[in-house]
N, C-alpha and C. Protein backbone atom coordinates (compact mmCIF):
# COMPACT_ATOMS: atom_id res chain seq x y z
N MET A 1 3.38 60.57 -9.30
CA MET A 1 1.83 61.01 -8.28
C MET A 1 2.16 62.05 -8.08
N GLU A 2 3.05 61.98 -7.16
CA GLU A 2 3.06 63.05 -6.35
C GLU A 2 3.48 64.62 -6.96
N MET A 3 4.60 64.80 -7.97
CA MET A 3 4.53 65.97 -8.56
C MET A 3 2.94 66.38 -9.08
N ASN A 4 2.09 65.59 -9.84
CA ASN A 4 1.22 65.73 -9.86
C ASN A 4 0.23 66.25 -9.14
N ARG A 5 -0.07 65.91 -8.14
CA ARG A 5 -0.46 65.95 -6.64
C ARG A 5 0.10 67.20 -6.35
N GLN A 6 1.03 68.12 -6.70
CA GLN A 6 1.67 69.05 -5.96
C GLN A 6 1.06 70.19 -6.69
N ASN A 7 0.43 69.57 -8.33
CA ASN A 7 0.38 70.94 -9.16
C ASN A 7 -1.45 70.98 -8.80
N ALA A 8 -1.51 70.09 -8.39
CA ALA A 8 -3.17 70.22 -8.02
C ALA A 8 -3.90 71.01 -6.85
N SER A 9 -2.84 71.13 -5.64
CA SER A 9 -2.58 71.42 -4.78
C SER A 9 -3.02 73.43 -5.17
N ALA A 10 -3.24 74.01 -6.34
CA ALA A 10 -3.17 75.47 -6.65
C ALA A 10 -4.28 75.87 -6.22
N GLU A 11 -4.04 77.10 -5.57
CA GLU A 11 -5.50 77.43 -5.36
C GLU A 11 -6.38 77.90 -6.81
N LEU A 12 -7.69 76.86 -6.47
CA LEU A 12 -8.94 76.67 -7.38
C LEU A 12 -9.57 77.62 -7.83
N ASN A 13 -9.33 78.14 -8.79
CA ASN A 13 -10.74 79.59 -9.27
C ASN A 13 -11.70 79.05 -9.99
N ASP A 14 -12.79 79.63 -10.73
CA ASP A 14 -14.39 78.78 -10.85
C ASP A 14 -13.67 77.94 -12.30
N ASP A 15 -12.38 78.29 -13.29
CA ASP A 15 -12.40 77.10 -14.17
C ASP A 15 -11.86 76.36 -14.06
N SER A 16 -10.77 76.31 -12.86
CA SER A 16 -10.13 75.06 -12.74
C SER A 16 -10.93 73.95 -11.93
N ILE A 17 -11.90 74.49 -10.74
CA ILE A 17 -13.06 73.79 -10.25
C ILE A 17 -13.84 72.87 -11.32
N HIS A 18 -14.32 73.64 -12.63
CA HIS A 18 -15.15 72.49 -13.52
C HIS A 18 -14.25 71.99 -13.80
N ALA A 19 -12.93 72.48 -14.43
CA ALA A 19 -12.23 71.22 -14.98
C ALA A 19 -12.04 69.89 -14.18
N VAL A 20 -11.50 70.04 -12.77
CA VAL A 20 -11.66 69.05 -11.90
C VAL A 20 -12.93 68.49 -11.75
N LEU A 21 -13.91 69.16 -11.56
CA LEU A 21 -15.00 68.11 -12.07
C LEU A 21 -15.30 67.59 -13.31
N ASP A 22 -15.54 68.08 -14.29
CA ASP A 22 -15.50 67.49 -15.70
C ASP A 22 -14.28 66.48 -16.10
N ASP A 23 -13.11 65.90 -16.03
CA ASP A 23 -12.73 65.57 -16.00
C ASP A 23 -12.21 64.25 -14.91
N PHE A 24 -12.16 63.31 -14.81
CA PHE A 24 -12.37 62.21 -13.92
C PHE A 24 -11.03 61.72 -12.85
N SER A 25 -9.93 62.03 -14.38
CA SER A 25 -9.05 61.85 -13.61
C SER A 25 -8.03 63.03 -12.56
N ALA A 26 -8.38 63.92 -13.05
CA ALA A 26 -8.26 65.53 -12.34
C ALA A 26 -9.22 65.75 -11.10
N TRP A 27 -10.39 64.56 -11.17
CA TRP A 27 -11.29 65.14 -9.80
C TRP A 27 -10.16 63.88 -8.60
N LYS A 28 -9.53 62.75 -9.26
CA LYS A 28 -8.87 61.73 -8.31
C LYS A 28 -7.57 62.53 -7.93
N GLU A 29 -6.97 63.23 -9.01
CA GLU A 29 -5.51 63.67 -8.16
C GLU A 29 -6.32 64.86 -7.52
N PHE A 30 -7.35 65.57 -7.56
CA PHE A 30 -7.62 66.48 -6.51
C PHE A 30 -8.01 66.40 -5.42
N LEU A 31 -8.69 64.68 -5.46
CA LEU A 31 -8.76 64.14 -3.53
C LEU A 31 -7.99 63.75 -3.68
N GLY A 32 -6.91 62.95 -3.94
CA GLY A 32 -5.92 62.68 -3.07
C GLY A 32 -4.67 63.49 -2.49
N THR A 33 -5.40 64.55 -3.59
CA THR A 33 -3.78 65.56 -2.94
C THR A 33 -4.56 66.45 -1.38
N GLN A 34 -6.29 66.70 -1.62
CA GLN A 34 -6.78 66.55 -0.48
C GLN A 34 -6.51 65.35 0.95
N VAL A 35 -6.33 64.53 0.07
CA VAL A 35 -6.23 63.37 1.31
C VAL A 35 -4.79 63.60 2.09
N ASP A 36 -3.69 63.31 0.91
CA ASP A 36 -2.54 63.82 1.64
C ASP A 36 -2.58 65.03 2.76
N ARG A 37 -3.40 66.01 2.00
CA ARG A 37 -3.13 67.08 3.37
C ARG A 37 -3.53 67.24 4.36
N ALA A 38 -5.06 66.26 4.39
CA ALA A 38 -5.52 65.56 5.78
C ALA A 38 -4.38 64.90 6.31
N GLN A 39 -4.12 64.19 5.50
CA GLN A 39 -2.80 63.20 6.67
C GLN A 39 -1.72 63.74 7.31
N SER A 40 -1.23 64.76 6.51
CA SER A 40 -0.58 65.47 7.00
C SER A 40 -0.14 66.46 8.22
N ALA A 41 -2.32 66.69 8.27
CA ALA A 41 -2.12 67.91 8.84
C ALA A 41 -2.34 66.45 10.74
N GLY A 42 -2.08 65.44 10.73
CA GLY A 42 -2.81 64.37 11.26
C GLY A 42 -4.22 64.42 11.67
N MET A 43 -4.82 64.79 10.63
CA MET A 43 -6.00 63.74 10.67
C MET A 43 -6.58 62.51 10.75
N SER A 44 -7.04 61.53 11.53
CA SER A 44 -7.49 60.09 11.27
C SER A 44 -7.94 59.54 10.52
N ASP A 45 -8.17 58.62 10.32
CA ASP A 45 -9.11 57.79 8.88
C ASP A 45 -10.50 57.74 9.36
N LYS A 46 -10.69 58.25 10.33
CA LYS A 46 -12.46 57.78 10.48
C LYS A 46 -12.66 59.51 9.56
N GLN A 47 -11.51 60.85 10.30
CA GLN A 47 -11.96 62.13 10.07
C GLN A 47 -12.09 62.18 8.73
N ILE A 48 -10.89 61.84 8.01
CA ILE A 48 -10.78 61.35 6.50
C ILE A 48 -12.18 60.79 6.03
N ASP A 49 -12.77 60.06 6.78
CA ASP A 49 -13.98 59.12 6.03
C ASP A 49 -15.23 60.20 6.44
N ASP A 50 -15.18 60.80 7.59
CA ASP A 50 -16.51 61.60 7.42
C ASP A 50 -16.67 62.68 6.90
N VAL A 51 -15.05 63.68 6.67
CA VAL A 51 -15.45 64.12 5.58
C VAL A 51 -15.22 63.88 4.60
N ALA A 52 -14.85 62.77 3.61
CA ALA A 52 -15.22 62.15 2.82
C ALA A 52 -16.70 61.97 2.57
N TYR A 53 -17.48 61.48 3.20
CA TYR A 53 -18.93 61.16 3.09
C TYR A 53 -19.85 62.31 2.89
N ARG A 54 -19.13 63.22 3.61
CA ARG A 54 -19.98 64.62 4.10
C ARG A 54 -19.61 65.40 2.18
N LEU A 55 -18.55 64.98 1.30
CA LEU A 55 -18.24 65.40 0.49
C LEU A 55 -19.49 64.41 -0.65
N GLY A 56 -19.42 63.65 -0.31
CA GLY A 56 -19.96 63.19 -1.23
C GLY A 56 -21.29 63.41 -0.97
N THR A 57 -22.23 63.47 -0.15
CA THR A 57 -23.51 63.71 0.17
C THR A 57 -23.70 65.15 -0.37
N PHE A 58 -22.51 66.05 -0.03
CA PHE A 58 -22.66 67.51 -1.52
C PHE A 58 -22.69 67.59 -2.44
N LEU A 59 -22.34 67.04 -2.97
CA LEU A 59 -21.87 66.26 -4.48
C LEU A 59 -22.97 65.29 -5.12
N ALA A 60 -23.62 64.62 -4.41
CA ALA A 60 -24.81 63.90 -4.76
C ALA A 60 -25.45 64.79 -4.34
N ASP A 61 -25.94 65.40 -3.92
CA ASP A 61 -27.29 66.09 -3.44
C ASP A 61 -27.09 67.99 -4.87
N LYS A 62 -25.82 68.34 -4.62
CA LYS A 62 -25.52 70.04 -5.25
C LYS A 62 -24.54 69.75 -6.80
N VAL A 63 -24.27 68.51 -7.39
CA VAL A 63 -23.62 68.44 -8.68
C VAL A 63 -23.88 68.01 -9.69
N ASP A 64 -24.35 68.32 -10.89
CA ASP A 64 -24.72 67.50 -11.96
C ASP A 64 -23.30 66.82 -12.08
N PRO A 65 -23.71 65.25 -12.48
CA PRO A 65 -22.24 64.39 -13.13
C PRO A 65 -22.06 64.75 -14.51
N LYS A 66 -20.67 65.28 -15.15
CA LYS A 66 -20.18 65.54 -15.71
C LYS A 66 -20.16 64.20 -17.07
N ASN A 67 -20.18 63.17 -16.06
CA ASN A 67 -18.65 61.95 -17.04
C ASN A 67 -19.66 61.01 -17.03
N PHE A 68 -19.35 59.83 -17.28
CA PHE A 68 -20.00 58.40 -16.90
C PHE A 68 -19.35 58.33 -15.30
N GLN A 69 -18.51 58.44 -14.87
CA GLN A 69 -17.51 57.66 -13.98
C GLN A 69 -18.17 58.29 -12.68
N GLN A 70 -18.92 59.93 -12.61
CA GLN A 70 -19.96 60.47 -11.67
C GLN A 70 -20.69 60.21 -11.76
N ARG A 71 -21.60 59.98 -13.41
CA ARG A 71 -23.05 59.34 -12.95
C ARG A 71 -23.16 57.98 -12.22
N LEU A 72 -21.97 57.28 -12.45
CA LEU A 72 -22.23 56.05 -12.09
C LEU A 72 -22.18 55.87 -10.92
N LEU A 73 -21.52 56.41 -9.90
CA LEU A 73 -21.01 56.98 -8.49
C LEU A 73 -22.55 57.71 -7.62
N LYS A 74 -22.80 58.66 -9.15
CA LYS A 74 -24.11 59.08 -8.14
C LYS A 74 -25.47 58.45 -8.02
N GLN A 75 -25.56 57.26 -9.37
CA GLN A 75 -26.13 56.14 -8.91
C GLN A 75 -26.11 55.68 -8.00
N MET A 76 -24.79 54.81 -7.71
CA MET A 76 -24.67 54.24 -6.70
C MET A 76 -24.90 54.42 -5.44
N TRP A 77 -24.25 55.53 -4.49
CA TRP A 77 -24.91 56.34 -3.99
C TRP A 77 -26.12 57.22 -3.38
N ASP A 78 -27.45 57.12 -4.50
CA ASP A 78 -28.27 57.41 -4.45
C ASP A 78 -29.40 56.04 -4.03
N VAL A 79 -28.84 54.87 -4.11
CA VAL A 79 -29.08 53.43 -4.44
C VAL A 79 -29.33 53.47 -2.97
N SER A 80 -28.03 53.87 -1.97
CA SER A 80 -27.40 52.92 -0.94
C SER A 80 -28.05 53.65 0.61
N SER A 81 -27.61 52.78 1.24
CA SER A 81 -27.64 53.09 2.73
C SER A 81 -26.57 54.05 2.75
N LYS A 82 -27.10 55.11 4.05
CA LYS A 82 -26.17 55.52 5.12
C LYS A 82 -24.84 54.84 4.93
N GLU A 83 -25.23 53.76 5.29
CA GLU A 83 -23.65 53.18 6.01
C GLU A 83 -23.28 52.41 4.18
N ASP A 84 -23.68 52.09 2.99
CA ASP A 84 -22.91 51.83 2.19
C ASP A 84 -22.35 52.89 1.68
N GLN A 85 -23.42 54.60 1.81
CA GLN A 85 -22.81 55.41 1.56
C GLN A 85 -21.41 56.22 1.96
N ARG A 86 -20.75 55.56 3.03
CA ARG A 86 -20.06 55.78 4.11
C ARG A 86 -18.92 54.54 3.61
N ALA A 87 -19.75 53.64 3.13
CA ALA A 87 -18.23 52.53 1.91
C ALA A 87 -17.92 53.03 1.00
N LEU A 88 -18.98 53.46 0.25
CA LEU A 88 -18.18 54.23 -0.81
C LEU A 88 -17.25 55.69 -0.57
N ALA A 89 -17.74 56.21 0.45
CA ALA A 89 -16.76 57.36 0.64
C ALA A 89 -15.15 56.63 0.82
N ARG A 90 -15.30 55.66 1.39
CA ARG A 90 -14.02 55.34 2.39
C ARG A 90 -13.86 54.29 0.83
N ILE A 91 -13.98 53.93 0.17
CA ILE A 91 -13.78 53.37 -1.16
C ILE A 91 -12.43 54.25 -2.04
N MET A 92 -13.56 55.68 -2.03
CA MET A 92 -12.55 56.57 -3.05
C MET A 92 -12.09 57.38 -2.38
N VAL A 93 -11.51 57.06 -1.07
CA VAL A 93 -10.18 57.70 -0.25
C VAL A 93 -9.36 56.88 -0.78
N ASN A 94 -9.41 55.21 -0.37
CA ASN A 94 -8.32 54.31 -0.84
C ASN A 94 -8.11 54.30 -2.50
N LEU A 95 -9.26 55.15 -3.31
CA LEU A 95 -8.74 54.62 -4.64
C LEU A 95 -7.51 55.75 -4.78
N VAL A 96 -7.65 56.85 -4.40
CA VAL A 96 -6.58 57.85 -4.26
C VAL A 96 -5.60 57.96 -3.73
N ASP A 97 -5.39 57.32 -2.54
CA ASP A 97 -4.47 56.76 -1.76
C ASP A 97 -3.64 55.90 -1.58
N ARG A 98 -4.17 54.70 -2.24
CA ARG A 98 -3.20 53.60 -2.73
C ARG A 98 -2.94 53.67 -4.04
N PRO A 99 -1.24 52.87 -4.50
CA PRO A 99 -1.02 52.81 -5.70
C PRO A 99 -1.96 51.94 -7.01
N SER A 100 -1.95 52.03 -7.48
CA SER A 100 -2.91 50.99 -8.33
C SER A 100 -2.25 49.90 -8.60
N THR A 101 -3.09 48.68 -8.14
CA THR A 101 -2.97 47.16 -8.02
C THR A 101 -2.90 47.01 -9.26
N SER A 102 -4.08 46.71 -10.02
CA SER A 102 -3.85 46.59 -10.97
C SER A 102 -4.06 47.51 -12.33
N SER A 103 -3.24 47.11 -13.81
CA SER A 103 -3.32 48.42 -14.76
C SER A 103 -4.60 47.68 -15.64
N ALA A 104 -5.03 46.89 -15.61
CA ALA A 104 -6.40 46.20 -16.23
C ALA A 104 -7.42 47.16 -16.14
N ASN A 105 -7.49 47.39 -17.31
CA ASN A 105 -8.78 48.51 -17.45
C ASN A 105 -8.96 49.40 -16.00
N PRO A 106 -8.07 50.73 -15.76
CA PRO A 106 -7.88 51.79 -14.78
C PRO A 106 -9.45 52.30 -15.45
N VAL A 107 -10.12 52.97 -13.92
CA VAL A 107 -11.05 53.95 -13.76
C VAL A 107 -10.10 55.45 -14.66
N HIS A 108 -10.62 56.11 -15.55
CA HIS A 108 -9.58 57.29 -15.48
C HIS A 108 -10.95 58.69 -15.89
């Protein structure tokens, strides 16, 4: 996965931004790269959580979901309290920061 994360860290242009947002696997790779960068820069888990929450808020407010996974996340975000939204943001960080422990029905 590290090789893919390095590829995802290339500078994004409009086409690549759309590709990242259109494909959930590409989104996870991109998010994983950003989490790796934040950790390497010395950001604490709390700081990463805060950024993830702000990103989730931005995406929920400004970006039209492009696939099933994004629609589900937006629906969960929209019905959640601020505390639960923060938990969802943390879960997304965990999803991309930890190796998968289950190969059954992976989310792509």
